[in-house]
Amino acid sequence: MSQTTDLQQALAQVEAWKVAGKTIVFTNGCFDLLHPGHIDYLEKAAACGDVLIIGLNDDASIARLKGDSRPIKPLCDRMIMLAGLRAVDLVIPFCEDTPLNLITALMPDILIKGGDYTADDIVGATEVREAGGEVRVIPFVAGYSSSELIQRIKDS
């Protein structure tokens, strides 16, 4: 069963996983409306290693990035939904606009983002590579975008 946590607890858990020889995978996002595209993405990310950690934008950072009408679901709801997924091992919120501080603190073996990025544009890519890790991009499933889904709901 996955868990939700704060940074101190996450650091302790990640250290235990590393000592056990686990490959740590990290991704991040808003996950405002959980949809099949997210599930596909997270399952593919989880398959890249032994443990999948999600850095989750808090409500204030989503509002700064996406506008005042977001998030649709509050942080606690989004954490519960993600933690309930089989593919996810740990969910940790962050309040900055990017997860760079979280990435450098946890230093995953593999950093993953979705298909609208190039590996060189991913926040934390340089730091993860310098530590000997990998950066990967997983293609999105066509037709699933939270922003587009929200717009379709508003238009209906």
N, C-alpha and C. Protein backbone atom coordinates (compact mmCIF):
# COMPACT_ATOMS: atom_id res chain seq x y z
N MET A 1 0.84 -1.18 0.00
CA MET A 1 0.00 0.00 0.00
C MET A 1 0.88 1.24 0.00
N SER A 2 0.56 2.20 -0.83
CA SER A 2 1.35 3.42 -0.89
C SER A 2 1.01 4.32 0.28
N GLN A 3 1.81 5.36 0.43
CA GLN A 3 1.63 6.25 1.55
C GLN A 3 1.80 7.70 1.12
N THR A 4 1.26 8.59 1.94
CA THR A 4 1.48 10.01 1.75
C THR A 4 2.33 10.47 2.93
N THR A 5 3.17 11.47 2.70
CA THR A 5 4.12 11.82 3.73
C THR A 5 4.64 13.23 3.57
N ASP A 6 5.45 13.65 4.54
CA ASP A 6 6.16 14.92 4.43
C ASP A 6 7.61 14.62 4.07
N LEU A 7 8.41 15.66 3.89
CA LEU A 7 9.78 15.48 3.41
C LEU A 7 10.63 14.66 4.37
N GLN A 8 10.56 14.91 5.65
CA GLN A 8 11.41 14.18 6.60
C GLN A 8 11.11 12.68 6.57
N GLN A 9 9.83 12.33 6.57
CA GLN A 9 9.46 10.91 6.50
C GLN A 9 9.88 10.32 5.16
N ALA A 10 9.71 11.09 4.10
CA ALA A 10 10.08 10.61 2.77
C ALA A 10 11.58 10.33 2.68
N LEU A 11 12.39 11.23 3.24
CA LEU A 11 13.84 11.02 3.20
C LEU A 11 14.23 9.73 3.90
N ALA A 12 13.63 9.46 5.04
CA ALA A 12 13.92 8.23 5.77
C ALA A 12 13.49 7.00 4.97
N GLN A 13 12.31 7.06 4.36
CA GLN A 13 11.83 5.92 3.57
C GLN A 13 12.69 5.70 2.34
N VAL A 14 13.07 6.77 1.66
CA VAL A 14 13.90 6.64 0.46
C VAL A 14 15.26 6.06 0.83
N GLU A 15 15.82 6.49 1.92
CA GLU A 15 17.11 5.94 2.37
C GLU A 15 16.99 4.44 2.62
N ALA A 16 15.90 4.02 3.26
CA ALA A 16 15.70 2.59 3.51
C ALA A 16 15.57 1.82 2.20
N TRP A 17 14.85 2.38 1.23
CA TRP A 17 14.73 1.72 -0.06
C TRP A 17 16.08 1.64 -0.77
N LYS A 18 16.87 2.70 -0.68
CA LYS A 18 18.19 2.69 -1.33
C LYS A 18 19.10 1.66 -0.69
N VAL A 19 19.09 1.57 0.63
CA VAL A 19 19.89 0.57 1.34
C VAL A 19 19.47 -0.84 0.91
N ALA A 20 18.19 -1.03 0.65
CA ALA A 20 17.67 -2.32 0.21
C ALA A 20 17.93 -2.59 -1.27
N GLY A 21 18.57 -1.64 -1.96
CA GLY A 21 18.91 -1.83 -3.36
C GLY A 21 17.78 -1.55 -4.34
N LYS A 22 16.77 -0.84 -3.90
CA LYS A 22 15.63 -0.52 -4.76
C LYS A 22 15.99 0.61 -5.73
N THR A 23 15.46 0.54 -6.94
CA THR A 23 15.59 1.61 -7.92
C THR A 23 14.44 2.59 -7.70
N ILE A 24 14.79 3.84 -7.40
CA ILE A 24 13.82 4.87 -7.06
C ILE A 24 13.46 5.67 -8.31
N VAL A 25 12.17 5.72 -8.63
CA VAL A 25 11.65 6.48 -9.76
C VAL A 25 10.85 7.65 -9.20
N PHE A 26 11.03 8.82 -9.80
CA PHE A 26 10.31 10.02 -9.35
C PHE A 26 9.64 10.69 -10.53
N THR A 27 8.42 11.12 -10.31
CA THR A 27 7.73 12.00 -11.25
C THR A 27 6.94 13.02 -10.44
N ASN A 28 6.43 14.00 -11.11
CA ASN A 28 5.68 15.03 -10.39
C ASN A 28 4.58 15.60 -11.27
N GLY A 29 3.67 16.31 -10.62
CA GLY A 29 2.60 16.96 -11.36
C GLY A 29 1.50 17.43 -10.45
N CYS A 30 0.45 17.94 -11.09
CA CYS A 30 -0.72 18.45 -10.37
C CYS A 30 -1.73 17.33 -10.12
N PHE A 31 -1.95 16.48 -11.10
CA PHE A 31 -2.91 15.39 -11.02
C PHE A 31 -4.24 15.89 -10.48
N ASP A 32 -4.70 16.97 -11.07
CA ASP A 32 -5.90 17.66 -10.62
C ASP A 32 -7.16 16.85 -10.88
N LEU A 33 -7.28 16.30 -12.06
CA LEU A 33 -8.35 15.37 -12.38
C LEU A 33 -7.69 14.06 -12.81
N LEU A 34 -7.83 13.04 -12.02
CA LEU A 34 -7.22 11.76 -12.34
C LEU A 34 -8.00 11.11 -13.48
N HIS A 35 -7.31 10.75 -14.56
CA HIS A 35 -7.95 10.18 -15.74
C HIS A 35 -7.11 9.03 -16.30
N PRO A 36 -7.63 8.29 -17.29
CA PRO A 36 -6.90 7.14 -17.82
C PRO A 36 -5.51 7.47 -18.34
N GLY A 37 -5.30 8.67 -18.85
CA GLY A 37 -3.97 9.05 -19.29
C GLY A 37 -2.98 9.06 -18.13
N HIS A 38 -3.43 9.55 -16.98
CA HIS A 38 -2.57 9.54 -15.79
C HIS A 38 -2.25 8.11 -15.36
N ILE A 39 -3.26 7.26 -15.36
CA ILE A 39 -3.06 5.87 -14.93
C ILE A 39 -2.03 5.19 -15.82
N ASP A 40 -2.18 5.34 -17.13
CA ASP A 40 -1.22 4.77 -18.07
C ASP A 40 0.19 5.29 -17.81
N TYR A 41 0.30 6.59 -17.66
CA TYR A 41 1.60 7.22 -17.41
C TYR A 41 2.23 6.70 -16.13
N LEU A 42 1.47 6.64 -15.05
CA LEU A 42 2.02 6.20 -13.76
C LEU A 42 2.39 4.72 -13.77
N GLU A 43 1.61 3.90 -14.45
CA GLU A 43 1.97 2.49 -14.56
C GLU A 43 3.26 2.30 -15.34
N LYS A 44 3.42 3.06 -16.42
CA LYS A 44 4.66 2.99 -17.20
C LYS A 44 5.85 3.51 -16.40
N ALA A 45 5.64 4.58 -15.65
CA ALA A 45 6.71 5.12 -14.80
C ALA A 45 7.11 4.10 -13.74
N ALA A 46 6.13 3.47 -13.10
CA ALA A 46 6.41 2.48 -12.06
C ALA A 46 7.20 1.29 -12.62
N ALA A 47 6.93 0.93 -13.86
CA ALA A 47 7.62 -0.21 -14.47
C ALA A 47 9.10 0.07 -14.73
N CYS A 48 9.52 1.32 -14.61
CA CYS A 48 10.92 1.68 -14.84
C CYS A 48 11.82 1.40 -13.65
N GLY A 49 11.25 1.06 -12.51
CA GLY A 49 12.05 0.82 -11.32
C GLY A 49 11.27 0.01 -10.30
N ASP A 50 11.74 0.06 -9.06
CA ASP A 50 11.11 -0.71 -7.98
C ASP A 50 10.12 0.11 -7.17
N VAL A 51 10.33 1.41 -7.10
CA VAL A 51 9.55 2.29 -6.24
C VAL A 51 9.20 3.54 -7.03
N LEU A 52 7.92 3.95 -7.02
CA LEU A 52 7.50 5.18 -7.68
C LEU A 52 7.08 6.21 -6.64
N ILE A 53 7.74 7.35 -6.69
CA ILE A 53 7.41 8.49 -5.83
C ILE A 53 6.80 9.57 -6.70
N ILE A 54 5.69 10.14 -6.22
CA ILE A 54 5.08 11.28 -6.91
C ILE A 54 5.26 12.53 -6.06
N GLY A 55 5.87 13.55 -6.65
CA GLY A 55 5.89 14.88 -6.07
C GLY A 55 4.63 15.58 -6.53
N LEU A 56 3.81 16.03 -5.60
CA LEU A 56 2.49 16.57 -5.94
C LEU A 56 2.43 18.06 -5.61
N ASN A 57 2.16 18.87 -6.64
CA ASN A 57 2.00 20.32 -6.42
C ASN A 57 0.92 20.57 -5.39
N ASP A 58 1.19 21.46 -4.43
CA ASP A 58 0.14 21.82 -3.48
C ASP A 58 -0.84 22.78 -4.15
N ASP A 59 -1.91 23.11 -3.46
CA ASP A 59 -2.97 23.93 -4.05
C ASP A 59 -2.48 25.30 -4.49
N ALA A 60 -1.66 25.95 -3.66
CA ALA A 60 -1.18 27.30 -3.99
C ALA A 60 -0.29 27.28 -5.23
N SER A 61 0.56 26.26 -5.36
CA SER A 61 1.43 26.21 -6.54
C SER A 61 0.62 25.94 -7.81
N ILE A 62 -0.43 25.14 -7.71
CA ILE A 62 -1.29 24.91 -8.88
C ILE A 62 -1.98 26.21 -9.28
N ALA A 63 -2.50 26.94 -8.32
CA ALA A 63 -3.17 28.21 -8.63
C ALA A 63 -2.20 29.17 -9.32
N ARG A 64 -0.95 29.20 -8.86
CA ARG A 64 0.04 30.07 -9.50
C ARG A 64 0.34 29.62 -10.93
N LEU A 65 0.39 28.32 -11.14
CA LEU A 65 0.75 27.78 -12.45
C LEU A 65 -0.42 27.73 -13.43
N LYS A 66 -1.63 27.43 -12.92
CA LYS A 66 -2.77 27.15 -13.80
C LYS A 66 -3.87 28.20 -13.73
N GLY A 67 -3.82 29.09 -12.74
CA GLY A 67 -4.86 30.11 -12.61
C GLY A 67 -5.73 29.88 -11.39
N ASP A 68 -6.50 30.90 -11.06
CA ASP A 68 -7.30 30.89 -9.84
C ASP A 68 -8.40 29.83 -9.81
N SER A 69 -8.81 29.33 -10.95
CA SER A 69 -9.88 28.32 -10.97
C SER A 69 -9.36 26.92 -10.66
N ARG A 70 -8.08 26.79 -10.48
CA ARG A 70 -7.47 25.49 -10.19
C ARG A 70 -6.81 25.55 -8.82
N PRO A 71 -6.70 24.44 -8.12
CA PRO A 71 -7.06 23.10 -8.54
C PRO A 71 -8.56 22.84 -8.41
N ILE A 72 -9.01 21.82 -9.09
CA ILE A 72 -10.39 21.38 -8.99
C ILE A 72 -10.57 20.62 -7.67
N LYS A 73 -9.66 19.73 -7.38
CA LYS A 73 -9.67 18.93 -6.16
C LYS A 73 -8.57 19.44 -5.23
N PRO A 74 -8.85 19.53 -3.92
CA PRO A 74 -7.83 19.99 -2.98
C PRO A 74 -6.72 18.95 -2.80
N LEU A 75 -5.61 19.40 -2.28
CA LEU A 75 -4.42 18.56 -2.10
C LEU A 75 -4.75 17.25 -1.40
N CYS A 76 -5.48 17.31 -0.30
CA CYS A 76 -5.73 16.08 0.46
C CYS A 76 -6.48 15.06 -0.39
N ASP A 77 -7.42 15.48 -1.22
CA ASP A 77 -8.15 14.55 -2.09
C ASP A 77 -7.21 13.97 -3.15
N ARG A 78 -6.37 14.82 -3.73
CA ARG A 78 -5.45 14.34 -4.77
C ARG A 78 -4.44 13.36 -4.19
N MET A 79 -3.99 13.61 -2.97
CA MET A 79 -3.04 12.69 -2.32
C MET A 79 -3.69 11.33 -2.07
N ILE A 80 -4.93 11.33 -1.60
CA ILE A 80 -5.63 10.08 -1.33
C ILE A 80 -5.83 9.28 -2.63
N MET A 81 -6.24 9.97 -3.70
CA MET A 81 -6.46 9.28 -4.98
C MET A 81 -5.17 8.65 -5.49
N LEU A 82 -4.08 9.40 -5.47
CA LEU A 82 -2.82 8.88 -5.99
C LEU A 82 -2.27 7.76 -5.10
N ALA A 83 -2.37 7.93 -3.79
CA ALA A 83 -1.86 6.91 -2.87
C ALA A 83 -2.64 5.60 -3.01
N GLY A 84 -3.87 5.67 -3.51
CA GLY A 84 -4.68 4.48 -3.69
C GLY A 84 -4.35 3.68 -4.94
N LEU A 85 -3.47 4.20 -5.77
CA LEU A 85 -3.12 3.51 -7.01
C LEU A 85 -2.04 2.46 -6.78
N ARG A 86 -2.22 1.32 -7.38
CA ARG A 86 -1.28 0.20 -7.26
C ARG A 86 0.14 0.60 -7.68
N ALA A 87 0.27 1.45 -8.67
CA ALA A 87 1.59 1.80 -9.21
C ALA A 87 2.38 2.75 -8.31
N VAL A 88 1.73 3.40 -7.38
CA VAL A 88 2.35 4.48 -6.59
C VAL A 88 2.77 3.97 -5.22
N ASP A 89 4.00 4.29 -4.83
CA ASP A 89 4.52 3.88 -3.52
C ASP A 89 4.55 5.00 -2.50
N LEU A 90 4.73 6.23 -2.96
CA LEU A 90 4.85 7.36 -2.03
C LEU A 90 4.39 8.63 -2.73
N VAL A 91 3.60 9.43 -2.03
CA VAL A 91 3.15 10.73 -2.53
C VAL A 91 3.61 11.78 -1.55
N ILE A 92 4.30 12.79 -2.06
CA ILE A 92 4.79 13.87 -1.20
C ILE A 92 4.48 15.22 -1.84
N PRO A 93 3.81 16.09 -1.11
CA PRO A 93 3.47 17.40 -1.68
C PRO A 93 4.68 18.35 -1.64
N PHE A 94 4.63 19.32 -2.56
CA PHE A 94 5.62 20.40 -2.52
C PHE A 94 4.92 21.71 -2.82
N CYS A 95 5.47 22.80 -2.27
CA CYS A 95 4.78 24.10 -2.37
C CYS A 95 5.43 25.05 -3.37
N GLU A 96 6.61 24.72 -3.85
CA GLU A 96 7.27 25.59 -4.83
C GLU A 96 6.64 25.39 -6.21
N ASP A 97 7.00 26.25 -7.15
CA ASP A 97 6.47 26.12 -8.51
C ASP A 97 7.09 24.96 -9.26
N THR A 98 8.29 24.52 -8.85
CA THR A 98 8.93 23.35 -9.45
C THR A 98 9.35 22.40 -8.34
N PRO A 99 9.55 21.13 -8.69
CA PRO A 99 9.94 20.15 -7.68
C PRO A 99 11.46 20.05 -7.48
N LEU A 100 12.23 21.05 -7.92
CA LEU A 100 13.68 20.93 -7.88
C LEU A 100 14.20 20.62 -6.47
N ASN A 101 13.72 21.33 -5.46
CA ASN A 101 14.20 21.07 -4.10
C ASN A 101 13.88 19.65 -3.66
N LEU A 102 12.71 19.18 -4.01
CA LEU A 102 12.31 17.82 -3.66
C LEU A 102 13.17 16.79 -4.39
N ILE A 103 13.41 17.01 -5.65
CA ILE A 103 14.24 16.10 -6.44
C ILE A 103 15.65 16.04 -5.88
N THR A 104 16.24 17.18 -5.59
CA THR A 104 17.62 17.18 -5.09
C THR A 104 17.71 16.58 -3.68
N ALA A 105 16.66 16.70 -2.90
CA ALA A 105 16.65 16.08 -1.57
C ALA A 105 16.53 14.56 -1.67
N LEU A 106 15.64 14.08 -2.52
CA LEU A 106 15.39 12.64 -2.64
C LEU A 106 16.39 11.94 -3.56
N MET A 107 16.91 12.63 -4.54
CA MET A 107 17.84 12.15 -5.56
C MET A 107 17.46 10.76 -6.08
N PRO A 108 16.40 10.72 -6.89
CA PRO A 108 15.96 9.44 -7.45
C PRO A 108 16.97 8.89 -8.45
N ASP A 109 16.84 7.59 -8.71
CA ASP A 109 17.68 6.96 -9.73
C ASP A 109 17.18 7.31 -11.13
N ILE A 110 15.86 7.45 -11.25
CA ILE A 110 15.24 7.75 -12.54
C ILE A 110 14.22 8.87 -12.34
N LEU A 111 14.36 9.90 -13.14
CA LEU A 111 13.44 11.04 -13.15
C LEU A 111 12.61 10.95 -14.43
N ILE A 112 11.29 11.01 -14.28
CA ILE A 112 10.40 10.82 -15.43
C ILE A 112 9.39 11.97 -15.52
N LYS A 113 9.12 12.39 -16.75
CA LYS A 113 8.04 13.35 -17.03
C LYS A 113 7.30 12.87 -18.27
N GLY A 114 6.15 13.51 -18.50
CA GLY A 114 5.31 13.14 -19.62
C GLY A 114 5.77 13.71 -20.94
N GLY A 115 5.16 13.24 -22.01
CA GLY A 115 5.57 13.49 -23.37
C GLY A 115 5.59 14.90 -23.88
N ASP A 116 5.11 15.87 -23.11
CA ASP A 116 5.20 17.25 -23.58
C ASP A 116 6.53 17.90 -23.19
N TYR A 117 7.44 17.12 -22.67
CA TYR A 117 8.78 17.59 -22.30
C TYR A 117 9.82 16.90 -23.15
N THR A 118 10.99 17.52 -23.24
CA THR A 118 12.18 16.82 -23.72
C THR A 118 13.02 16.57 -22.48
N ALA A 119 13.84 15.55 -22.52
CA ALA A 119 14.62 15.17 -21.34
C ALA A 119 15.46 16.34 -20.81
N ASP A 120 16.00 17.16 -21.70
CA ASP A 120 16.84 18.26 -21.26
C ASP A 120 16.05 19.40 -20.62
N ASP A 121 14.75 19.46 -20.86
CA ASP A 121 13.91 20.52 -20.30
C ASP A 121 13.28 20.17 -18.95
N ILE A 122 13.47 18.96 -18.49
CA ILE A 122 12.84 18.51 -17.25
C ILE A 122 13.57 19.11 -16.06
N VAL A 123 12.81 19.72 -15.17
CA VAL A 123 13.38 20.28 -13.94
C VAL A 123 14.05 19.16 -13.16
N GLY A 124 15.31 19.36 -12.79
CA GLY A 124 16.05 18.37 -12.03
C GLY A 124 16.87 17.42 -12.88
N ALA A 125 16.72 17.48 -14.20
CA ALA A 125 17.44 16.56 -15.07
C ALA A 125 18.95 16.66 -14.90
N THR A 126 19.46 17.85 -14.87
CA THR A 126 20.91 18.04 -14.72
C THR A 126 21.40 17.43 -13.41
N GLU A 127 20.70 17.70 -12.35
CA GLU A 127 21.10 17.23 -11.02
C GLU A 127 21.04 15.70 -10.93
N VAL A 128 20.00 15.10 -11.47
CA VAL A 128 19.87 13.65 -11.44
C VAL A 128 20.96 13.00 -12.28
N ARG A 129 21.22 13.53 -13.46
CA ARG A 129 22.28 12.97 -14.31
C ARG A 129 23.65 13.11 -13.65
N GLU A 130 23.91 14.27 -13.05
CA GLU A 130 25.20 14.47 -12.38
C GLU A 130 25.42 13.49 -11.23
N ALA A 131 24.34 13.02 -10.64
CA ALA A 131 24.42 12.04 -9.55
C ALA A 131 24.45 10.61 -10.08
N GLY A 132 24.45 10.45 -11.41
CA GLY A 132 24.53 9.12 -12.01
C GLY A 132 23.18 8.52 -12.37
N GLY A 133 22.11 9.31 -12.27
CA GLY A 133 20.79 8.81 -12.58
C GLY A 133 20.40 9.02 -14.03
N GLU A 134 19.19 8.61 -14.35
CA GLU A 134 18.65 8.71 -15.70
C GLU A 134 17.45 9.64 -15.74
N VAL A 135 17.20 10.18 -16.92
CA VAL A 135 16.02 11.01 -17.16
C VAL A 135 15.29 10.41 -18.35
N ARG A 136 13.99 10.19 -18.19
CA ARG A 136 13.19 9.58 -19.25
C ARG A 136 11.91 10.37 -19.48
N VAL A 137 11.42 10.29 -20.72
CA VAL A 137 10.14 10.89 -21.09
C VAL A 137 9.21 9.77 -21.52
N ILE A 138 7.99 9.78 -20.96
CA ILE A 138 6.98 8.79 -21.32
C ILE A 138 5.90 9.50 -22.14
N PRO A 139 5.60 8.99 -23.33
CA PRO A 139 4.57 9.64 -24.16
C PRO A 139 3.21 9.65 -23.48
N PHE A 140 2.47 10.72 -23.69
CA PHE A 140 1.11 10.82 -23.18
C PHE A 140 0.17 9.97 -24.02
N VAL A 141 -0.95 9.59 -23.43
CA VAL A 141 -2.02 8.93 -24.16
C VAL A 141 -2.84 10.03 -24.83
N ALA A 142 -3.02 9.94 -26.12
CA ALA A 142 -3.76 10.96 -26.87
C ALA A 142 -5.19 11.07 -26.34
N GLY A 143 -5.68 12.31 -26.28
CA GLY A 143 -7.05 12.56 -25.90
C GLY A 143 -7.28 12.78 -24.42
N TYR A 144 -6.21 12.73 -23.62
CA TYR A 144 -6.36 12.93 -22.18
C TYR A 144 -5.46 14.06 -21.71
N SER A 145 -6.06 15.17 -21.41
CA SER A 145 -5.40 16.33 -20.86
C SER A 145 -6.34 16.90 -19.82
N SER A 146 -5.84 17.11 -18.62
CA SER A 146 -6.71 17.67 -17.56
C SER A 146 -7.27 19.02 -17.99
N SER A 147 -6.42 19.87 -18.55
CA SER A 147 -6.89 21.20 -18.97
C SER A 147 -7.98 21.10 -20.03
N GLU A 148 -7.80 20.19 -20.98
CA GLU A 148 -8.81 20.01 -22.03
C GLU A 148 -10.10 19.43 -21.45
N LEU A 149 -9.99 18.48 -20.53
CA LEU A 149 -11.18 17.90 -19.90
C LEU A 149 -11.94 18.96 -19.11
N ILE A 150 -11.23 19.80 -18.39
CA ILE A 150 -11.87 20.87 -17.62
C ILE A 150 -12.59 21.83 -18.56
N GLN A 151 -11.95 22.17 -19.67
CA GLN A 151 -12.59 23.06 -20.63
C GLN A 151 -13.85 22.45 -21.24
N ARG A 152 -13.81 21.15 -21.54
CA ARG A 152 -14.99 20.48 -22.10
C ARG A 152 -16.13 20.49 -21.09
N ILE A 153 -15.81 20.30 -19.81
CA ILE A 153 -16.84 20.35 -18.77
C ILE A 153 -17.45 21.75 -18.69
N LYS A 154 -16.60 22.76 -18.73
CA LYS A 154 -17.10 24.15 -18.68
C LYS A 154 -17.98 24.47 -19.88
N ASP A 155 -17.61 23.93 -21.05
CA ASP A 155 -18.35 24.21 -22.27
C ASP A 155 -19.68 23.46 -22.37
N SER A 156 -19.85 22.43 -21.57
CA SER A 156 -21.07 21.61 -21.70
C SER A 156 -22.22 22.14 -20.84
